[in-house]
Amino acid sequence: MKNLLRLKSISAVFGLMLFIVSCEANQDHVAETEISATDATATITTEDLVGEWKLSAMNTDTVVDLNNDGVFNSNILLETDCFQDMGVVFYQGGDMTTTNSRLDFKAGETNDDFKCLSGRIDSGIWDVENQDNEERLIITMTIDGDTRTHKRVLERTTNTFAFNVSKFESEQYYGNPDGTDAQDVTVLSLEYTRVN
């Protein structure tokens, strides 16, 4: 399945658009369902995130056609069902579990196919903070014996939150496509939608 992926470059504007948080004061007349990071100060509490969330967007810096239908998308979820079970549960008290997936671009006998590696469950602890007029999610997890703490600035609505992803973290989801048609793709952001 050589040339399974066809890539077309576009400019990376997502980081700036998705993660700017306004410093304007809260407006009492704005309905709760309309409050977002663009019209509220940093006021996140743990109660805002407690519950189950499913991945709803995985945006890249390059459009891709993983399913070979001739339609290119910058949201990988529109190209593969590999990440359909990916999500996170934030528990009251600070515990969390995540269900993760990953694409392997060097599968098959000739190392030019891709396959989905899904169903890995990880656990850790979480918290939130309001700092410098930004809402931040703090996650600490141990994966393969390596403990890491990440702070992520959130773009948030009542039922969604999104954050940017580093190049290293991108490879955790998108595999290591070096030497393939997808080697220049980087995941820029992840968005989650509340399930309950």
Protein backbone atom coordinates (compact mmCIF):
# COMPACT_ATOMS: atom_id res chain seq x y z
CA MET A 1 0.00 0.00 0.00
CA LYS A 2 2.79 2.37 -0.94
CA ASN A 3 1.69 5.93 -1.17
CA LEU A 4 -1.23 5.16 1.12
CA LEU A 5 -0.91 8.66 2.42
CA ARG A 6 -1.00 11.68 0.18
CA LEU A 7 -0.12 14.86 1.90
CA LYS A 8 -0.66 18.46 0.91
CA SER A 9 1.02 21.23 2.91
CA ILE A 10 -0.90 24.07 4.49
CA SER A 11 0.21 26.77 6.89
CA ALA A 12 0.02 26.03 10.60
CA VAL A 13 -2.34 28.56 12.10
CA PHE A 14 -4.00 26.26 14.64
CA GLY A 15 -1.68 26.94 17.59
CA LEU A 16 -2.46 30.64 17.62
CA MET A 17 -6.19 30.26 16.97
CA LEU A 18 -6.83 27.45 19.43
CA PHE A 19 -4.93 28.57 22.47
CA ILE A 20 -5.36 32.32 22.88
CA VAL A 21 -7.13 33.17 26.11
CA SER A 22 -8.67 36.59 26.55
CA CYS A 23 -8.09 38.70 29.65
CA GLU A 24 -11.48 40.43 29.57
CA ALA A 25 -13.63 40.42 32.70
CA ASN A 26 -16.63 38.09 32.98
CA GLN A 27 -19.84 39.53 31.57
CA ASP A 28 -22.80 38.80 33.83
CA HIS A 29 -25.26 38.89 30.95
CA VAL A 30 -23.49 36.11 28.99
CA ALA A 31 -25.26 32.76 29.35
CA GLU A 32 -23.23 29.95 30.93
CA THR A 33 -23.36 27.89 27.72
CA GLU A 34 -21.78 30.77 25.80
CA ILE A 35 -18.78 31.28 28.07
CA SER A 36 -15.55 30.35 26.34
CA ALA A 37 -11.88 31.17 26.63
CA THR A 38 -12.41 34.16 24.36
CA ASP A 39 -14.91 35.94 26.60
CA ALA A 40 -14.06 34.98 30.17
CA THR A 41 -11.14 35.36 32.54
CA ALA A 42 -9.33 32.31 33.82
CA THR A 43 -11.74 30.78 36.32
CA ILE A 44 -11.49 27.03 35.87
CA THR A 45 -12.20 24.74 38.81
CA THR A 46 -11.86 20.97 39.11
CA GLU A 47 -15.67 20.70 39.00
CA ASP A 48 -15.53 22.07 35.43
CA LEU A 49 -13.66 18.95 34.23
CA VAL A 50 -14.80 16.11 36.49
CA GLY A 51 -16.42 13.48 34.28
CA GLU A 52 -15.84 11.53 31.08
CA TRP A 53 -14.51 13.15 27.89
CA LYS A 54 -14.03 11.67 24.39
CA LEU A 55 -11.55 12.85 21.78
CA SER A 56 -13.47 14.93 19.22
CA ALA A 57 -10.67 16.48 17.12
CA MET A 58 -6.98 15.77 16.46
CA ASN A 59 -5.72 18.65 14.34
CA THR A 60 -2.51 18.50 12.33
CA ASP A 61 -0.33 21.06 10.59
CA THR A 62 -0.73 19.24 7.26
CA VAL A 63 -3.86 17.92 5.59
CA VAL A 64 -3.90 14.14 5.08
CA ASP A 65 -5.86 11.54 3.14
CA LEU A 66 -5.33 8.42 5.28
CA ASN A 67 -8.40 6.62 3.95
CA ASN A 68 -7.52 7.28 0.29
CA ASP A 69 -10.92 8.80 -0.55
CA GLY A 70 -9.45 11.84 -2.30
CA VAL A 71 -10.56 14.19 0.50
CA PHE A 72 -7.82 15.79 2.59
CA ASN A 73 -8.46 16.83 6.21
CA SER A 74 -6.45 18.48 8.95
CA ASN A 75 -8.54 16.61 11.56
CA ILE A 76 -7.19 13.05 11.61
CA LEU A 77 -10.46 11.77 13.12
CA LEU A 78 -12.10 12.40 9.75
CA GLU A 79 -9.56 10.08 8.12
CA THR A 80 -9.38 7.06 10.45
CA ASP A 81 -11.42 5.43 13.21
CA CYS A 82 -8.25 4.51 15.10
CA PHE A 83 -8.88 7.14 17.75
CA GLN A 84 -12.64 6.61 18.22
CA ASP A 85 -12.23 5.13 21.72
CA MET A 86 -9.65 7.65 22.90
CA GLY A 87 -10.75 9.62 25.95
CA VAL A 88 -10.12 10.64 29.54
CA VAL A 89 -12.03 10.35 32.80
CA PHE A 90 -11.28 12.96 35.46
CA TYR A 91 -12.39 11.74 38.89
CA GLN A 92 -13.28 13.91 41.87
CA GLY A 93 -10.28 13.87 44.19
CA GLY A 94 -7.62 14.09 41.48
CA ASP A 95 -7.32 10.61 39.93
CA MET A 96 -7.68 10.09 36.18
CA THR A 97 -7.59 7.37 33.54
CA THR A 98 -6.99 7.72 29.83
CA THR A 99 -7.64 5.42 26.88
CA ASN A 100 -5.04 5.97 24.19
CA SER A 101 -4.43 4.96 20.59
CA ARG A 102 -1.54 5.30 18.19
CA LEU A 103 -0.92 4.91 14.46
CA ASP A 104 1.98 2.69 13.36
CA PHE A 105 3.17 3.76 9.91
CA LYS A 106 5.66 0.95 9.44
CA ALA A 107 3.36 -2.05 9.52
CA GLY A 108 2.95 -4.83 6.99
CA GLU A 109 5.53 -7.00 5.30
CA THR A 110 7.14 -4.10 3.45
CA ASN A 111 6.81 -1.55 6.29
CA ASP A 112 4.68 0.76 4.15
CA ASP A 113 1.23 0.08 5.65
CA PHE A 114 -0.28 1.69 8.69
CA LYS A 115 -2.25 0.08 11.46
CA CYS A 116 -3.97 1.22 14.62
CA LEU A 117 -2.61 0.33 18.04
CA SER A 118 -5.48 1.07 20.41
CA GLY A 119 -6.84 0.31 23.84
CA ARG A 120 -3.89 1.27 26.05
CA ILE A 121 -5.16 2.47 29.45
CA ASP A 122 -3.02 4.81 31.55
CA SER A 123 -3.71 6.39 34.92
CA GLY A 124 -2.41 9.37 36.80
CA ILE A 125 -3.39 12.44 38.75
CA TRP A 126 -4.75 15.79 37.61
CA ASP A 127 -5.55 19.28 38.80
CA VAL A 128 -6.29 22.70 37.34
CA GLU A 129 -4.92 26.18 37.98
CA ASN A 130 -5.59 29.73 36.92
CA GLN A 131 -2.31 31.46 36.15
CA ASP A 132 -1.52 34.61 34.17
CA ASN A 133 -5.18 34.85 33.07
CA GLU A 134 -4.96 31.36 31.55
CA GLU A 135 -6.77 28.19 32.54
CA ARG A 136 -4.35 25.29 32.85
CA LEU A 137 -4.76 21.53 33.14
CA ILE A 138 -1.98 19.80 35.12
CA ILE A 139 -1.50 16.08 34.46
CA THR A 140 1.07 13.73 36.03
CA MET A 141 1.36 10.23 34.57
CA THR A 142 3.86 7.38 34.63
CA ILE A 143 4.17 5.57 31.31
CA ASP A 144 6.77 2.86 30.73
CA GLY A 145 8.47 3.83 34.01
CA ASP A 146 8.82 7.49 33.00
CA THR A 147 6.88 9.99 35.15
CA ARG A 148 6.03 13.30 33.50
CA THR A 149 4.03 16.32 34.59
CA HIS A 150 2.49 18.48 31.88
CA LYS A 151 0.73 21.81 32.19
CA ARG A 152 -1.56 22.66 29.30
CA VAL A 153 -3.28 25.96 28.61
CA LEU A 154 -6.89 25.14 27.80
CA GLU A 155 -9.32 26.59 25.33
CA ARG A 156 -12.62 25.71 26.91
CA THR A 157 -16.36 25.90 26.39
CA THR A 158 -19.03 24.37 28.60
CA ASN A 159 -18.78 20.99 26.84
CA THR A 160 -15.30 20.98 25.25
CA PHE A 161 -11.68 21.63 26.09
CA ALA A 162 -8.66 21.71 23.80
CA PHE A 163 -4.91 22.06 24.23
CA ASN A 164 -1.81 22.11 22.07
CA VAL A 165 0.56 19.17 21.69
CA SER A 166 4.37 19.21 21.44
CA LYS A 167 6.28 17.41 18.67
CA PHE A 168 7.30 14.68 21.14
CA GLU A 169 3.69 14.18 22.27
CA SER A 170 2.53 14.19 18.67
CA GLU A 171 4.69 11.12 18.03
CA GLN A 172 2.93 9.33 20.92
CA TYR A 173 -0.32 9.47 18.93
CA TYR A 174 0.88 9.62 15.35
CA GLY A 175 3.75 7.18 15.72
CA ASN A 176 7.09 7.79 14.09
CA PRO A 177 6.37 8.17 10.40
CA ASP A 178 10.01 8.96 9.47
CA GLY A 179 10.77 7.59 6.04
CA THR A 180 7.08 7.48 5.06
CA ASP A 181 4.84 9.85 3.16
CA ALA A 182 3.60 11.16 6.53
CA GLN A 183 6.97 12.15 7.99
CA ASP A 184 6.23 15.89 7.98
CA VAL A 185 2.87 15.66 9.79
CA THR A 186 2.69 16.98 13.34
CA VAL A 187 -0.39 16.86 15.55
CA LEU A 188 -0.94 20.39 16.86
CA SER A 189 -3.94 20.10 19.15
CA LEU A 190 -6.40 17.74 20.76
CA GLU A 191 -10.01 18.58 21.54
CA TYR A 192 -12.24 16.61 23.92
CA THR A 193 -16.02 16.73 24.26
CA ARG A 194 -17.91 15.88 27.46
CA VAL A 195 -19.70 12.52 27.48
CA ASN A 196 -21.09 12.87 31.02
